[in-house]
N, C-alpha and C. Protein backbone atom coordinates (compact mmCIF):
# COMPACT_ATOMS: atom_id res chain seq x y z
N MET A 1 0.87 -1.21 0.00
CA MET A 1 -0.01 0.01 -0.02
C MET A 1 0.93 1.23 -0.01
N VAL A 2 0.41 2.31 -0.67
CA VAL A 2 1.21 3.64 -0.72
C VAL A 2 1.37 4.11 0.65
N SER A 3 2.54 4.66 0.89
CA SER A 3 2.90 5.22 2.19
C SER A 3 2.09 6.44 2.42
N SER A 4 1.82 6.72 3.73
CA SER A 4 0.92 7.81 4.10
C SER A 4 1.41 9.20 3.63
N GLY A 5 2.78 9.45 3.81
CA GLY A 5 3.36 10.71 3.40
C GLY A 5 3.26 10.95 1.93
N THR A 6 3.49 9.90 1.17
CA THR A 6 3.48 9.92 -0.36
C THR A 6 2.04 10.14 -0.76
N LEU A 7 1.10 9.59 -0.15
CA LEU A 7 -0.31 9.70 -0.50
C LEU A 7 -0.75 11.18 -0.43
N THR A 8 -0.34 11.84 0.61
CA THR A 8 -0.68 13.25 0.82
C THR A 8 -0.13 14.11 -0.33
N LYS A 9 1.16 13.87 -0.62
CA LYS A 9 1.88 14.57 -1.70
C LYS A 9 1.23 14.34 -3.08
N ILE A 10 0.86 13.08 -3.36
CA ILE A 10 0.18 12.85 -4.63
C ILE A 10 -1.08 13.53 -4.83
N LEU A 11 -1.87 13.43 -3.76
CA LEU A 11 -3.17 14.06 -3.81
C LEU A 11 -3.11 15.66 -3.95
N ASN A 12 -2.08 16.25 -3.39
CA ASN A 12 -1.80 17.62 -3.54
C ASN A 12 -1.44 17.93 -5.00
N LYS A 13 -0.63 17.06 -5.57
CA LYS A 13 -0.19 17.28 -6.95
C LYS A 13 -1.33 17.16 -7.91
N ILE A 14 -2.26 16.15 -7.60
CA ILE A 14 -3.40 15.97 -8.49
C ILE A 14 -4.32 17.24 -8.59
N CYS A 15 -4.40 17.98 -7.47
CA CYS A 15 -5.12 19.22 -7.46
C CYS A 15 -4.63 20.23 -8.46
N ASP A 16 -3.40 20.23 -8.70
CA ASP A 16 -2.80 21.23 -9.57
C ASP A 16 -2.55 20.77 -11.03
N ALA A 17 -2.37 19.49 -11.15
CA ALA A 17 -2.06 18.90 -12.52
C ALA A 17 -3.34 18.80 -13.43
N SER A 18 -3.06 18.72 -14.71
CA SER A 18 -4.17 18.55 -15.60
C SER A 18 -4.75 17.17 -15.50
N ILE A 19 -5.88 16.93 -16.04
CA ILE A 19 -6.53 15.58 -15.93
C ILE A 19 -6.04 14.74 -17.07
N PRO A 20 -5.45 13.62 -16.78
CA PRO A 20 -4.93 12.75 -17.89
C PRO A 20 -6.03 11.88 -18.46
N GLU A 21 -5.82 11.44 -19.74
CA GLU A 21 -6.80 10.49 -20.26
C GLU A 21 -6.76 9.13 -19.57
N ASN A 22 -5.49 8.81 -19.10
CA ASN A 22 -5.27 7.61 -18.37
C ASN A 22 -4.25 7.86 -17.24
N PHE A 23 -4.68 7.54 -16.07
CA PHE A 23 -3.69 7.74 -14.85
C PHE A 23 -2.95 6.47 -14.73
N ASN A 24 -1.70 6.47 -15.31
CA ASN A 24 -0.86 5.27 -15.16
C ASN A 24 0.35 5.63 -14.59
N GLY A 25 1.40 4.65 -14.55
CA GLY A 25 2.73 4.87 -13.99
C GLY A 25 3.46 5.95 -14.63
N ASP A 26 3.30 6.20 -15.97
CA ASP A 26 3.98 7.24 -16.65
C ASP A 26 3.56 8.57 -16.18
N PHE A 27 2.20 8.76 -16.08
CA PHE A 27 1.69 10.02 -15.67
C PHE A 27 2.10 10.30 -14.16
N LEU A 28 2.05 9.31 -13.35
CA LEU A 28 2.43 9.40 -11.94
C LEU A 28 3.92 9.82 -11.79
N GLY A 29 4.79 9.17 -12.67
CA GLY A 29 6.18 9.44 -12.53
C GLY A 29 6.66 10.70 -13.29
N THR A 30 6.18 10.92 -14.49
CA THR A 30 6.63 12.00 -15.34
C THR A 30 5.93 13.34 -15.00
N LYS A 31 4.66 13.26 -14.95
CA LYS A 31 3.87 14.48 -14.72
C LYS A 31 3.69 14.97 -13.30
N LEU A 32 3.60 13.94 -12.44
CA LEU A 32 3.44 14.32 -10.96
C LEU A 32 4.73 14.16 -10.21
N GLY A 33 5.74 13.49 -10.73
CA GLY A 33 7.12 13.45 -10.12
C GLY A 33 7.23 12.36 -9.07
N PHE A 34 6.48 11.25 -9.23
CA PHE A 34 6.54 10.18 -8.33
C PHE A 34 6.88 8.83 -9.08
N PRO A 35 8.13 8.62 -9.45
CA PRO A 35 8.46 7.45 -10.30
C PRO A 35 8.67 6.18 -9.52
N GLY A 36 8.79 6.23 -8.21
CA GLY A 36 9.21 5.01 -7.45
C GLY A 36 8.21 3.95 -7.46
N GLY A 37 8.62 2.68 -7.21
CA GLY A 37 7.73 1.56 -7.20
C GLY A 37 6.72 1.60 -6.19
N ASN A 38 7.12 2.02 -4.94
CA ASN A 38 6.09 2.14 -3.81
C ASN A 38 5.00 3.16 -4.11
N GLN A 39 5.53 4.22 -4.81
CA GLN A 39 4.57 5.31 -5.15
C GLN A 39 3.48 4.88 -6.12
N LYS A 40 3.83 3.90 -6.98
CA LYS A 40 2.89 3.40 -7.88
C LYS A 40 1.72 2.60 -7.18
N ALA A 41 1.90 2.27 -5.94
CA ALA A 41 0.83 1.68 -5.14
C ALA A 41 -0.35 2.59 -5.00
N PHE A 42 -0.19 3.92 -5.35
CA PHE A 42 -1.27 4.86 -5.28
C PHE A 42 -2.37 4.49 -6.27
N ILE A 43 -2.01 3.91 -7.36
CA ILE A 43 -3.00 3.67 -8.44
C ILE A 43 -4.08 2.62 -7.97
N PRO A 44 -3.67 1.44 -7.46
CA PRO A 44 -4.71 0.56 -6.95
C PRO A 44 -5.50 1.10 -5.80
N TRP A 45 -4.88 1.96 -4.94
CA TRP A 45 -5.61 2.64 -3.90
C TRP A 45 -6.64 3.60 -4.51
N ALA A 46 -6.25 4.28 -5.51
CA ALA A 46 -7.26 5.25 -6.12
C ALA A 46 -8.33 4.53 -6.89
N LYS A 47 -8.09 3.34 -7.39
CA LYS A 47 -9.10 2.58 -8.05
C LYS A 47 -10.08 2.04 -7.05
N LYS A 48 -9.59 1.60 -5.89
CA LYS A 48 -10.44 1.05 -4.86
C LYS A 48 -11.36 2.18 -4.28
N CYS A 49 -10.82 3.36 -4.30
CA CYS A 49 -11.60 4.50 -3.79
C CYS A 49 -12.49 5.15 -4.89
N LYS A 50 -12.45 4.57 -6.09
CA LYS A 50 -13.20 4.98 -7.22
C LYS A 50 -12.85 6.40 -7.75
N LEU A 51 -11.60 6.79 -7.45
CA LEU A 51 -11.10 7.98 -8.10
C LEU A 51 -10.69 7.78 -9.54
N LEU A 52 -10.31 6.44 -9.70
CA LEU A 52 -9.93 5.97 -11.03
C LEU A 52 -10.82 4.79 -11.45
N GLY A 53 -11.11 4.65 -12.75
CA GLY A 53 -11.78 3.40 -13.19
C GLY A 53 -10.83 2.29 -13.25
N GLU A 54 -11.31 1.12 -13.48
CA GLU A 54 -10.43 -0.04 -13.50
C GLU A 54 -9.39 0.01 -14.65
N ASP A 55 -9.74 0.80 -15.71
CA ASP A 55 -8.75 0.96 -16.80
C ASP A 55 -7.82 2.23 -16.57
N GLY A 56 -7.98 2.82 -15.37
CA GLY A 56 -7.14 3.94 -15.12
C GLY A 56 -7.67 5.34 -15.56
N THR A 57 -8.89 5.29 -16.07
CA THR A 57 -9.52 6.58 -16.51
C THR A 57 -10.02 7.36 -15.29
N PRO A 58 -9.66 8.60 -15.08
CA PRO A 58 -10.15 9.43 -13.98
C PRO A 58 -11.65 9.44 -14.06
N THR A 59 -12.28 9.21 -12.88
CA THR A 59 -13.75 9.26 -12.78
C THR A 59 -14.26 10.68 -12.42
N GLN A 60 -15.53 10.84 -12.43
CA GLN A 60 -16.12 12.13 -12.03
C GLN A 60 -15.65 12.48 -10.57
N LEU A 61 -15.57 11.51 -9.74
CA LEU A 61 -15.07 11.73 -8.34
C LEU A 61 -13.73 12.38 -8.34
N TYR A 62 -12.79 11.94 -9.27
CA TYR A 62 -11.41 12.51 -9.42
C TYR A 62 -11.52 13.95 -9.90
N LYS A 63 -12.41 14.21 -10.83
CA LYS A 63 -12.56 15.53 -11.34
C LYS A 63 -13.10 16.47 -10.27
N ASP A 64 -14.07 16.00 -9.48
CA ASP A 64 -14.60 16.88 -8.43
C ASP A 64 -13.63 17.12 -7.39
N PHE A 65 -12.75 16.15 -7.12
CA PHE A 65 -11.67 16.36 -6.07
C PHE A 65 -10.76 17.50 -6.46
N ARG A 66 -10.49 17.73 -7.70
CA ARG A 66 -9.62 18.79 -8.21
C ARG A 66 -10.34 20.14 -8.04
N ASN A 67 -11.56 20.16 -7.89
CA ASN A 67 -12.31 21.40 -7.72
C ASN A 67 -12.39 21.70 -6.20
N PRO A 68 -11.85 22.89 -5.78
CA PRO A 68 -11.86 23.22 -4.38
C PRO A 68 -13.24 23.20 -3.77
N THR A 69 -14.26 23.53 -4.56
CA THR A 69 -15.60 23.62 -4.00
C THR A 69 -16.15 22.19 -3.58
N TYR A 70 -15.68 21.18 -4.40
CA TYR A 70 -16.26 19.84 -4.18
C TYR A 70 -15.20 18.94 -3.57
N ARG A 71 -14.03 19.41 -3.26
CA ARG A 71 -12.90 18.53 -2.82
C ARG A 71 -13.23 17.75 -1.59
N GLY A 72 -13.78 18.46 -0.53
CA GLY A 72 -14.03 17.80 0.70
C GLY A 72 -15.10 16.66 0.63
N ILE A 73 -16.21 16.99 -0.06
CA ILE A 73 -17.22 15.99 -0.17
C ILE A 73 -16.87 14.88 -1.14
N SER A 74 -16.10 15.11 -2.13
CA SER A 74 -15.69 14.07 -3.06
C SER A 74 -14.68 13.08 -2.34
N MET A 75 -13.78 13.62 -1.52
CA MET A 75 -12.92 12.72 -0.83
C MET A 75 -13.68 11.87 0.22
N ALA A 76 -14.54 12.58 0.81
CA ALA A 76 -15.42 11.83 1.80
C ALA A 76 -16.14 10.61 1.14
N SER A 77 -16.61 10.88 -0.02
CA SER A 77 -17.26 9.78 -0.76
C SER A 77 -16.28 8.69 -1.19
N ALA A 78 -15.10 9.17 -1.61
CA ALA A 78 -14.06 8.22 -2.05
C ALA A 78 -13.63 7.31 -0.87
N LEU A 79 -13.54 7.88 0.32
CA LEU A 79 -13.09 7.06 1.48
C LEU A 79 -14.18 6.01 1.88
N LYS A 80 -15.44 6.47 1.70
CA LYS A 80 -16.56 5.54 2.04
C LYS A 80 -16.53 4.39 1.11
N LYS A 81 -16.22 4.65 -0.15
CA LYS A 81 -16.14 3.52 -1.16
C LYS A 81 -14.88 2.70 -1.00
N GLY A 82 -13.68 3.35 -0.71
CA GLY A 82 -12.52 2.59 -0.58
C GLY A 82 -12.31 1.79 0.67
N TYR A 83 -12.99 2.22 1.75
CA TYR A 83 -12.93 1.56 3.00
C TYR A 83 -14.29 1.03 3.43
N GLU A 84 -15.01 0.53 2.42
CA GLU A 84 -16.36 0.10 2.57
C GLU A 84 -16.51 -0.92 3.68
N GLU A 85 -15.61 -1.88 3.82
CA GLU A 85 -15.74 -2.90 4.84
C GLU A 85 -15.78 -2.28 6.22
N LEU A 86 -15.04 -1.20 6.47
CA LEU A 86 -15.04 -0.59 7.72
C LEU A 86 -16.32 0.12 7.99
N TYR A 87 -16.87 0.79 6.97
CA TYR A 87 -18.11 1.51 7.03
C TYR A 87 -19.31 0.56 7.24
N VAL A 88 -19.19 -0.67 6.83
CA VAL A 88 -20.23 -1.65 7.09
C VAL A 88 -20.40 -1.87 8.53
N ARG A 89 -19.28 -1.87 9.24
CA ARG A 89 -19.20 -2.14 10.68
C ARG A 89 -19.61 -0.87 11.47
N ASN A 90 -19.14 0.29 10.95
CA ASN A 90 -19.43 1.55 11.61
C ASN A 90 -19.56 2.70 10.64
N GLU A 91 -20.77 3.12 10.41
CA GLU A 91 -21.02 4.14 9.31
C GLU A 91 -20.39 5.44 9.70
N TYR A 92 -19.98 5.61 10.94
CA TYR A 92 -19.28 6.88 11.36
C TYR A 92 -17.78 6.61 11.65
N ALA A 93 -17.22 5.77 10.84
CA ALA A 93 -15.77 5.36 11.07
C ALA A 93 -14.85 6.56 11.03
N HIS A 94 -15.26 7.54 10.20
CA HIS A 94 -14.38 8.74 10.12
C HIS A 94 -14.37 9.64 11.32
N ASP A 95 -15.32 9.43 12.29
CA ASP A 95 -15.42 10.12 13.49
C ASP A 95 -14.62 9.46 14.65
N LEU A 96 -14.13 8.37 14.41
CA LEU A 96 -13.42 7.58 15.47
C LEU A 96 -12.05 8.19 15.72
N SER A 97 -11.65 8.06 16.96
CA SER A 97 -10.29 8.42 17.26
C SER A 97 -9.30 7.41 16.62
N ARG A 98 -8.04 7.79 16.57
CA ARG A 98 -7.08 6.88 15.83
C ARG A 98 -7.15 5.52 16.54
N PRO A 99 -6.94 5.44 17.92
CA PRO A 99 -6.97 4.11 18.58
C PRO A 99 -8.28 3.33 18.30
N ASP A 100 -9.40 4.00 18.32
CA ASP A 100 -10.71 3.27 18.07
C ASP A 100 -10.77 2.83 16.59
N PHE A 101 -10.25 3.67 15.67
CA PHE A 101 -10.22 3.26 14.30
C PHE A 101 -9.23 2.01 14.12
N LEU A 102 -8.17 2.09 14.79
CA LEU A 102 -7.24 0.92 14.68
C LEU A 102 -7.91 -0.35 15.09
N LYS A 103 -8.71 -0.22 16.20
CA LYS A 103 -9.42 -1.44 16.69
C LYS A 103 -10.43 -1.88 15.64
N LEU A 104 -11.06 -0.95 15.00
CA LEU A 104 -12.06 -1.24 14.00
C LEU A 104 -11.36 -2.02 12.84
N VAL A 105 -10.15 -1.60 12.52
CA VAL A 105 -9.45 -2.24 11.41
C VAL A 105 -9.05 -3.69 11.81
N THR A 106 -8.59 -3.87 13.02
CA THR A 106 -8.15 -5.20 13.45
C THR A 106 -9.37 -6.10 13.62
N ASP A 107 -10.42 -5.54 14.05
CA ASP A 107 -11.66 -6.42 14.15
C ASP A 107 -12.15 -6.82 12.85
N THR A 108 -11.98 -5.92 11.82
CA THR A 108 -12.48 -6.23 10.53
C THR A 108 -11.54 -7.22 9.77
N THR A 109 -10.27 -6.96 9.83
CA THR A 109 -9.33 -7.82 9.08
C THR A 109 -8.89 -9.01 9.82
N GLY A 110 -8.97 -9.02 11.07
CA GLY A 110 -8.49 -10.17 11.93
C GLY A 110 -6.99 -10.13 12.14
N LEU A 111 -6.32 -9.09 11.72
CA LEU A 111 -4.85 -9.00 11.86
C LEU A 111 -4.56 -8.28 13.19
N ALA A 112 -3.35 -8.50 13.54
CA ALA A 112 -2.83 -7.86 14.83
C ALA A 112 -2.67 -6.37 14.72
N HIS A 113 -2.72 -5.65 15.71
CA HIS A 113 -2.69 -4.18 15.73
C HIS A 113 -1.36 -3.63 15.22
N ASP A 114 -0.28 -4.50 15.40
CA ASP A 114 1.04 -3.99 14.89
C ASP A 114 1.38 -4.56 13.52
N ASN A 115 0.42 -5.21 12.87
CA ASN A 115 0.66 -5.67 11.47
C ASN A 115 0.93 -4.52 10.55
N SER A 116 1.84 -4.68 9.57
CA SER A 116 2.14 -3.59 8.69
C SER A 116 0.99 -3.20 7.79
N VAL A 117 0.15 -4.19 7.44
CA VAL A 117 -1.09 -3.87 6.58
C VAL A 117 -1.99 -2.99 7.38
N VAL A 118 -2.23 -3.35 8.65
CA VAL A 118 -3.09 -2.59 9.55
C VAL A 118 -2.61 -1.20 9.66
N LYS A 119 -1.29 -1.03 9.88
CA LYS A 119 -0.75 0.35 10.02
C LYS A 119 -0.85 1.17 8.77
N ALA A 120 -0.75 0.46 7.65
CA ALA A 120 -0.87 1.17 6.32
C ALA A 120 -2.31 1.65 6.15
N ILE A 121 -3.28 0.77 6.47
CA ILE A 121 -4.67 1.14 6.31
C ILE A 121 -4.98 2.34 7.11
N VAL A 122 -4.59 2.28 8.36
CA VAL A 122 -4.88 3.40 9.32
C VAL A 122 -4.28 4.72 8.78
N ALA A 123 -2.97 4.64 8.50
CA ALA A 123 -2.22 5.79 8.07
C ALA A 123 -2.80 6.46 6.78
N SER A 124 -3.13 5.56 5.79
CA SER A 124 -3.65 6.05 4.52
C SER A 124 -4.99 6.75 4.80
N PHE A 125 -5.81 6.15 5.59
CA PHE A 125 -7.16 6.71 5.84
C PHE A 125 -7.07 8.05 6.52
N PHE A 126 -6.23 8.19 7.54
CA PHE A 126 -6.18 9.46 8.26
C PHE A 126 -5.46 10.53 7.42
N ASN A 127 -4.57 10.09 6.54
CA ASN A 127 -3.93 11.12 5.67
C ASN A 127 -4.91 11.63 4.63
N ALA A 128 -5.67 10.66 3.99
CA ALA A 128 -6.60 11.08 2.97
C ALA A 128 -7.75 11.87 3.64
N LYS A 129 -8.10 11.57 4.87
CA LYS A 129 -9.21 12.24 5.64
C LYS A 129 -8.96 13.67 5.78
N GLU A 130 -7.67 14.09 5.73
CA GLU A 130 -7.38 15.53 5.82
C GLU A 130 -8.06 16.38 4.70
N PHE A 131 -8.30 15.67 3.60
CA PHE A 131 -8.91 16.38 2.47
C PHE A 131 -10.40 16.32 2.52
N ALA A 132 -10.94 15.47 3.38
CA ALA A 132 -12.38 15.10 3.29
C ALA A 132 -13.21 16.04 4.15
N ASP A 133 -14.41 16.25 3.82
CA ASP A 133 -15.41 16.93 4.62
C ASP A 133 -16.70 16.17 4.66
N PHE A 134 -16.90 15.44 5.75
CA PHE A 134 -18.04 14.58 5.92
C PHE A 134 -19.32 15.29 6.33
N GLU A 135 -19.15 16.55 6.68
CA GLU A 135 -20.28 17.36 7.16
C GLU A 135 -20.91 18.26 6.09
N SER A 136 -20.14 18.41 5.02
CA SER A 136 -20.53 19.45 3.97
C SER A 136 -21.88 19.23 3.35
N THR A 137 -22.68 20.18 3.34
CA THR A 137 -23.94 20.18 2.64
C THR A 137 -23.97 21.23 1.53
N LEU A 138 -23.06 22.16 1.55
CA LEU A 138 -23.02 23.20 0.56
C LEU A 138 -22.75 22.72 -0.89
N SER A 139 -21.92 21.71 -1.01
CA SER A 139 -21.63 21.14 -2.38
C SER A 139 -22.85 20.46 -2.90
N LYS A 140 -23.55 19.75 -1.94
CA LYS A 140 -24.75 19.05 -2.40
C LYS A 140 -25.80 20.10 -2.90
N GLU A 141 -25.95 21.18 -2.12
CA GLU A 141 -26.95 22.19 -2.55
C GLU A 141 -26.52 22.81 -3.91
N GLU A 142 -25.19 23.06 -4.09
CA GLU A 142 -24.77 23.64 -5.33
C GLU A 142 -24.97 22.66 -6.49
N LYS A 143 -24.74 21.44 -6.22
CA LYS A 143 -24.97 20.44 -7.30
C LYS A 143 -26.47 20.45 -7.69
N SER A 144 -27.35 20.50 -6.61
CA SER A 144 -28.82 20.48 -6.82
C SER A 144 -29.19 21.66 -7.73
N ILE A 145 -28.58 22.83 -7.38
CA ILE A 145 -28.92 24.06 -8.18
C ILE A 145 -28.46 23.86 -9.56
N GLN A 146 -27.27 23.27 -9.83
CA GLN A 146 -26.80 23.07 -11.13
C GLN A 146 -27.66 22.18 -11.91
N ILE A 147 -28.19 21.08 -11.22
CA ILE A 147 -29.09 20.16 -11.92
C ILE A 147 -30.37 20.92 -12.25
N GLU A 148 -30.89 21.75 -11.36
CA GLU A 148 -32.19 22.46 -11.63
C GLU A 148 -31.94 23.41 -12.83
N ASN A 149 -30.81 24.11 -12.85
CA ASN A 149 -30.52 25.02 -13.93
C ASN A 149 -30.42 24.28 -15.26
N ARG A 150 -29.79 23.06 -15.25
CA ARG A 150 -29.74 22.29 -16.51
C ARG A 150 -31.05 21.84 -16.90
N THR A 151 -31.95 21.49 -15.90
CA THR A 151 -33.30 21.08 -16.23
C THR A 151 -34.14 22.24 -16.81
N GLU A 152 -33.97 23.38 -16.17
CA GLU A 152 -34.77 24.60 -16.64
C GLU A 152 -34.35 24.98 -18.08
N SER A 153 -33.01 24.91 -18.28
CA SER A 153 -32.45 25.21 -19.62
C SER A 153 -32.98 24.25 -20.62
N HIS A 154 -33.03 22.93 -20.31
CA HIS A 154 -33.53 21.96 -21.27
C HIS A 154 -35.06 22.20 -21.53
N SER A 155 -35.81 22.57 -20.54
CA SER A 155 -37.22 22.86 -20.70
C SER A 155 -37.40 24.04 -21.63
N ASN A 156 -36.61 25.12 -21.41
CA ASN A 156 -36.64 26.25 -22.30
C ASN A 156 -36.38 25.96 -23.69
N GLU A 157 -35.37 25.05 -23.91
CA GLU A 157 -35.04 24.64 -25.23
C GLU A 157 -36.20 23.90 -25.86
N LYS A 158 -36.96 23.08 -25.10
CA LYS A 158 -38.02 22.32 -25.61
C LYS A 158 -39.17 23.32 -26.02
N VAL A 159 -39.45 24.33 -25.15
CA VAL A 159 -40.52 25.30 -25.46
C VAL A 159 -40.12 26.12 -26.71
N SER A 160 -38.82 26.48 -26.85
CA SER A 160 -38.41 27.25 -28.02
C SER A 160 -38.55 26.37 -29.26
N ASP A 161 -38.28 25.11 -29.21
CA ASP A 161 -38.38 24.18 -30.25
C ASP A 161 -39.84 24.04 -30.72
N VAL A 162 -40.75 24.00 -29.75
CA VAL A 162 -42.18 23.87 -30.04
C VAL A 162 -42.68 25.12 -30.77
N ILE A 163 -42.27 26.31 -30.23
CA ILE A 163 -42.73 27.61 -30.79
C ILE A 163 -42.13 27.67 -32.25
N HIS A 164 -40.90 27.27 -32.42
CA HIS A 164 -40.31 27.30 -33.75
C HIS A 164 -41.11 26.41 -34.72
N LYS A 165 -41.48 25.19 -34.31
CA LYS A 165 -42.18 24.33 -35.11
C LYS A 165 -43.60 24.77 -35.44
N ASN A 166 -44.23 25.43 -34.47
CA ASN A 166 -45.63 25.99 -34.69
C ASN A 166 -45.51 27.14 -35.70
N ASN A 167 -44.55 28.06 -35.51
CA ASN A 167 -44.34 29.13 -36.51
C ASN A 167 -44.06 28.62 -37.89
N THR A 168 -43.25 27.60 -37.96
CA THR A 168 -42.94 27.00 -39.24
C THR A 168 -44.13 26.38 -39.97
N LYS A 169 -45.01 25.75 -39.15
CA LYS A 169 -46.28 25.17 -39.60
C LYS A 169 -47.19 26.24 -40.13
N LYS A 170 -47.26 27.38 -39.35
CA LYS A 170 -48.14 28.44 -39.77
C LYS A 170 -47.68 29.05 -41.10
N GLN A 171 -46.31 29.19 -41.28
CA GLN A 171 -45.80 29.73 -42.46
C GLN A 171 -46.13 28.81 -43.66
N ILE A 172 -46.04 27.47 -43.39
CA ILE A 172 -46.35 26.50 -44.44
C ILE A 172 -47.90 26.60 -44.80
N ASP A 173 -48.71 26.74 -43.71
CA ASP A 173 -50.18 26.81 -43.99
C ASP A 173 -50.52 28.01 -44.72
N LEU A 174 -49.89 29.15 -44.48
CA LEU A 174 -50.12 30.42 -45.12
C LEU A 174 -49.71 30.39 -46.55
N GLY A 175 -48.75 29.52 -46.88
CA GLY A 175 -48.23 29.48 -48.23
C GLY A 175 -48.88 28.48 -49.16
N ILE A 176 -49.95 27.84 -48.69
CA ILE A 176 -50.65 26.94 -49.60
C ILE A 176 -51.54 27.61 -50.52
N ASN A 177 -51.45 27.29 -51.83
CA ASN A 177 -52.29 27.83 -52.91
C ASN A 177 -53.06 26.64 -53.53
N TYR A 178 -54.27 26.87 -53.89
CA TYR A 178 -55.06 25.89 -54.55
C TYR A 178 -55.02 26.12 -56.08
N THR A 179 -54.76 25.01 -56.86
CA THR A 179 -54.90 25.04 -58.25
C THR A 179 -55.92 24.00 -58.62
N ILE A 180 -56.98 24.57 -59.15
CA ILE A 180 -58.21 23.73 -59.51
C ILE A 180 -58.37 23.71 -61.02
N ASN A 181 -58.31 22.52 -61.57
CA ASN A 181 -58.61 22.33 -62.98
C ASN A 181 -59.97 21.77 -63.16
N LEU A 182 -60.82 22.47 -63.88
CA LEU A 182 -62.23 22.02 -64.08
C LEU A 182 -62.40 21.61 -65.49
N VAL A 183 -63.06 20.53 -65.67
CA VAL A 183 -63.53 20.05 -66.94
C VAL A 183 -65.07 20.30 -67.01
N LEU A 184 -65.51 21.40 -67.63
CA LEU A 184 -66.84 21.71 -67.62
C LEU A 184 -67.67 20.94 -68.67
N PRO A 185 -68.86 20.64 -68.33
CA PRO A 185 -69.72 19.93 -69.39
C PRO A 185 -70.16 20.94 -70.43
N LYS A 186 -70.40 20.41 -71.62
CA LYS A 186 -70.90 21.24 -72.69
C LYS A 186 -72.29 21.38 -72.51
N THR A 187 -72.66 22.64 -72.24
CA THR A 187 -74.08 23.00 -72.05
C THR A 187 -74.33 24.44 -72.27
N ASP A 188 -75.52 24.76 -72.69
CA ASP A 188 -75.95 26.12 -72.94
C ASP A 188 -76.71 26.68 -71.74
N ASP A 189 -76.91 25.85 -70.73
CA ASP A 189 -77.71 26.24 -69.60
C ASP A 189 -76.82 27.00 -68.53
N PRO A 190 -76.99 28.29 -68.41
CA PRO A 190 -76.09 28.97 -67.46
C PRO A 190 -76.33 28.57 -66.01
N ALA A 191 -77.45 27.94 -65.72
CA ALA A 191 -77.81 27.56 -64.35
C ALA A 191 -76.86 26.48 -63.86
N ILE A 192 -76.42 25.63 -64.82
CA ILE A 192 -75.41 24.56 -64.44
C ILE A 192 -74.08 25.16 -64.02
N TYR A 193 -73.63 26.21 -64.85
CA TYR A 193 -72.42 26.87 -64.49
C TYR A 193 -72.49 27.52 -63.12
N ASN A 194 -73.62 28.19 -62.85
CA ASN A 194 -73.85 28.93 -61.61
C ASN A 194 -73.84 27.96 -60.49
N ALA A 195 -74.36 26.76 -60.67
CA ALA A 195 -74.40 25.75 -59.61
C ALA A 195 -72.98 25.28 -59.24
N ILE A 196 -72.21 25.05 -60.39
CA ILE A 196 -70.76 24.56 -60.16
C ILE A 196 -70.00 25.57 -59.38
N PHE A 197 -69.99 26.87 -59.75
CA PHE A 197 -69.16 27.94 -59.10
C PHE A 197 -69.73 28.19 -57.72
N LYS A 198 -71.03 28.06 -57.51
CA LYS A 198 -71.53 28.23 -56.15
C LYS A 198 -71.05 27.12 -55.27
N SER A 199 -70.95 25.98 -55.79
CA SER A 199 -70.50 24.88 -54.94
C SER A 199 -69.02 24.98 -54.58
N LEU A 200 -68.25 25.42 -55.55
CA LEU A 200 -66.78 25.71 -55.39
C LEU A 200 -66.60 26.69 -54.22
N LYS A 201 -67.36 27.80 -54.35
CA LYS A 201 -67.19 28.83 -53.38
C LYS A 201 -67.56 28.38 -51.95
N GLU A 202 -68.71 27.63 -51.89
CA GLU A 202 -69.16 27.23 -50.62
C GLU A 202 -68.22 26.19 -49.92
N ASN A 203 -67.62 25.28 -50.71
CA ASN A 203 -66.88 24.14 -50.16
C ASN A 203 -65.34 24.30 -50.19
N LEU A 204 -64.84 25.18 -51.05
CA LEU A 204 -63.35 25.25 -51.06
C LEU A 204 -62.82 26.68 -50.86
N LEU A 205 -63.38 27.60 -51.58
CA LEU A 205 -62.75 28.98 -51.50
C LEU A 205 -62.92 29.70 -50.19
N ASN A 206 -63.87 29.27 -49.43
CA ASN A 206 -64.06 29.98 -48.09
C ASN A 206 -63.29 29.35 -46.97
N GLU A 207 -62.50 28.24 -47.24
CA GLU A 207 -61.73 27.56 -46.18
C GLU A 207 -60.40 28.36 -45.89
């Protein structure tokens, strides 16, 4: 597992660096400046916390973490995902003191309190927790507002589209012309012609 001190440094670097298409060893070593083998242990940790997809693609959680507004709540979410087994036992694991958290880890893993894996789990959690805000509601409200704005904008687009279609239909309706070809019977009786044109006027020309 990535060392606690390195974890903090990498997370700080992520906040300043651009978002890569794929977060791999090359990006970690070349762009962030952590080429060591132990430092590459950050990648599986980040995948477990859902900051990265299984293929190394940065997730939305990763992108939110880079944003100061959403950093706290995104890391809180990441820790709940990455340390899910601990949260199953105690949904307020982040509120525990270090000794109590250590006990939670040993109870969950069955390992001794001085085991290197246990120490790494505790250290990584508490270092990452420095970035987390488990009490934040501001980010949630802002996200809700963003969703409402997107919904309102989408609704306005729909209304505009309907109006455009109606106007187009009216223009088409107004542009219709009738072309009527009549084959009149041979007759000398004007009453027949009068009846034909009267019928045309009543049934077609007045519409």
